[in-house]
Amino acid sequence: MERTYNVPLRREFQKVPRYKRAKRAVTALREFISKHMKSDKVKLGEYVNREIWKRGIKNPPHHVKVTAVKDEEGVVTVELVGAPKKRAKEKKIKTKLISKKEEAPEGVEEKIEKEEVKPKEEPKKE
């Protein structure tokens, strides 16, 4: 089940001191979604959290437009309207990599050229 809500936060966060407002806004959002989606298991998405905390702890937004999605287990996931959806992580199959050292064929030797270092002639002092 998927629903879109415009959640009013101002009425709730005005009941607490300024330094607790964003925390209270998050709690108010959880309570609102819990009441309207009839589930106690509410998970807030990353983008909703960033939107609430964007202006700091003292000045959260007055309203937030969110999309709430309830799955089969009764867990409600809340995300900002228009936010990109998270994809389920694919399980990676671990495979053992066998690497062979590249060796030169026998009989072939590497030729290392040595550079001769010539001392620089210093100008004679008169």
Protein backbone atom coordinates (compact mmCIF):
# COMPACT_ATOMS: atom_id res chain seq x y z
CA MET A 1 0.00 0.00 0.00
CA GLU A 2 1.40 3.39 -0.99
CA ARG A 3 0.10 6.79 0.08
CA THR A 4 1.25 10.39 -0.18
CA TYR A 5 0.88 12.80 2.73
CA ASN A 6 1.63 16.45 3.45
CA VAL A 7 2.59 16.15 7.11
CA PRO A 8 2.19 19.26 9.31
CA LEU A 9 5.08 19.52 11.76
CA ARG A 10 4.85 23.06 13.15
CA ARG A 11 2.11 22.40 15.68
CA GLU A 12 4.18 19.64 17.28
CA PHE A 13 7.65 21.17 17.31
CA GLN A 14 6.39 24.44 18.81
CA LYS A 15 5.62 22.54 22.02
CA VAL A 16 9.32 22.02 22.79
CA PRO A 17 12.30 24.37 23.27
CA ARG A 18 14.13 25.65 20.18
CA TYR A 19 17.12 23.37 20.67
CA LYS A 20 14.92 20.24 20.39
CA ARG A 21 12.74 21.20 17.43
CA ALA A 22 14.13 18.98 14.67
CA LYS A 23 14.14 15.97 16.99
CA ARG A 24 10.51 16.64 17.82
CA ALA A 25 9.67 17.06 14.12
CA VAL A 26 11.07 13.58 13.42
CA THR A 27 9.02 12.15 16.29
CA ALA A 28 5.90 13.96 15.05
CA LEU A 29 6.42 12.53 11.56
CA ARG A 30 6.76 9.02 12.99
CA GLU A 31 3.59 9.44 15.07
CA PHE A 32 1.63 10.83 12.11
CA ILE A 33 2.64 7.97 9.81
CA SER A 34 2.05 5.40 12.54
CA LYS A 35 -1.48 6.71 13.07
CA HIS A 36 -2.44 7.01 9.40
CA MET A 37 -0.82 3.82 8.11
CA LYS A 38 -1.86 1.80 11.20
CA SER A 39 1.56 0.36 11.92
CA ASP A 40 4.05 0.89 14.74
CA LYS A 41 7.04 -0.07 12.59
CA VAL A 42 8.06 3.13 10.79
CA LYS A 43 11.37 3.70 9.01
CA LEU A 44 12.32 7.15 7.77
CA GLY A 45 14.28 7.44 4.56
CA GLU A 46 17.54 9.30 4.12
CA TYR A 47 16.07 12.16 2.07
CA VAL A 48 13.24 12.87 4.55
CA ASN A 49 15.75 13.00 7.36
CA ARG A 50 18.00 15.37 5.41
CA GLU A 51 15.04 17.62 4.57
CA ILE A 52 14.04 17.93 8.23
CA TRP A 53 17.61 18.58 9.43
CA LYS A 54 18.64 20.76 6.45
CA ARG A 55 18.22 24.07 8.29
CA GLY A 56 19.55 22.81 11.60
CA ILE A 57 18.00 21.65 14.85
CA LYS A 58 16.30 24.97 15.64
CA ASN A 59 14.41 25.57 12.40
CA PRO A 60 12.82 22.48 10.78
CA PRO A 61 10.32 22.85 7.90
CA HIS A 62 6.67 23.47 8.80
CA HIS A 63 5.34 20.82 6.38
CA VAL A 64 6.90 17.83 4.64
CA LYS A 65 5.46 16.02 1.61
CA VAL A 66 6.19 12.31 1.94
CA THR A 67 5.33 8.99 0.35
CA ALA A 68 4.63 6.11 2.74
CA VAL A 69 4.90 2.51 1.54
CA LYS A 70 3.70 -0.39 3.69
CA ASP A 71 5.09 -3.85 2.93
CA GLU A 72 3.80 -7.36 3.77
CA GLU A 73 5.45 -7.46 7.21
CA GLY A 74 3.76 -4.21 8.23
CA VAL A 75 6.90 -2.07 8.03
CA VAL A 76 6.19 1.42 6.72
CA THR A 77 9.00 3.13 4.81
CA VAL A 78 8.70 6.90 4.53
CA GLU A 79 10.53 8.86 1.83
CA LEU A 80 10.40 12.39 0.48
CA VAL A 81 8.14 12.86 -2.57
CA GLY A 82 10.29 12.69 -5.69
CA ALA A 83 13.27 11.09 -3.95
CA PRO A 84 15.02 8.29 -5.85
CA LYS A 85 13.94 4.83 -4.75
CA LYS A 86 16.44 2.49 -3.16
CA ARG A 87 17.05 -0.72 -5.01
CA ALA A 88 17.38 -4.02 -3.23
CA LYS A 89 21.00 -4.99 -2.87
CA GLU A 90 21.97 -7.86 -5.08
CA LYS A 91 23.78 -10.70 -3.41
CA LYS A 92 27.22 -11.13 -4.85
CA ILE A 93 28.44 -14.63 -5.46
CA LYS A 94 31.98 -15.00 -4.27
CA THR A 95 34.22 -16.73 -6.72
CA LYS A 96 37.75 -17.72 -6.07
CA LEU A 97 40.15 -16.08 -8.43
CA ILE A 98 43.07 -18.19 -9.50
CA SER A 99 45.94 -16.11 -10.70
CA LYS A 100 49.02 -17.51 -12.32
CA LYS A 101 52.22 -15.63 -12.22
CA GLU A 102 53.43 -14.69 -15.63
CA GLU A 103 56.84 -16.19 -15.98
CA ALA A 104 59.29 -15.69 -18.80
CA PRO A 105 60.03 -18.84 -20.78
CA GLU A 106 63.22 -20.63 -19.83
CA GLY A 107 66.31 -19.69 -21.75
CA VAL A 108 65.23 -16.09 -22.29
CA GLU A 109 67.05 -13.71 -20.04
CA GLU A 110 66.10 -10.17 -19.35
CA LYS A 111 68.57 -7.67 -20.60
CA ILE A 112 69.23 -4.87 -18.21
CA GLU A 113 71.19 -2.03 -19.59
CA LYS A 114 73.31 -0.18 -17.13
CA GLU A 115 73.78 3.47 -17.66
CA GLU A 116 77.22 4.78 -17.08
CA VAL A 117 77.33 7.77 -14.83
CA LYS A 118 79.91 10.27 -15.99
CA PRO A 119 81.14 12.73 -13.40
CA LYS A 120 80.57 16.31 -14.39
CA GLU A 121 83.64 18.37 -14.94
CA GLU A 122 83.72 21.29 -12.62
CA PRO A 123 85.08 24.59 -13.94
CA LYS A 124 88.52 25.33 -12.64
CA LYS A 125 88.82 28.13 -10.19
CA GLU A 126 91.63 30.56 -10.93
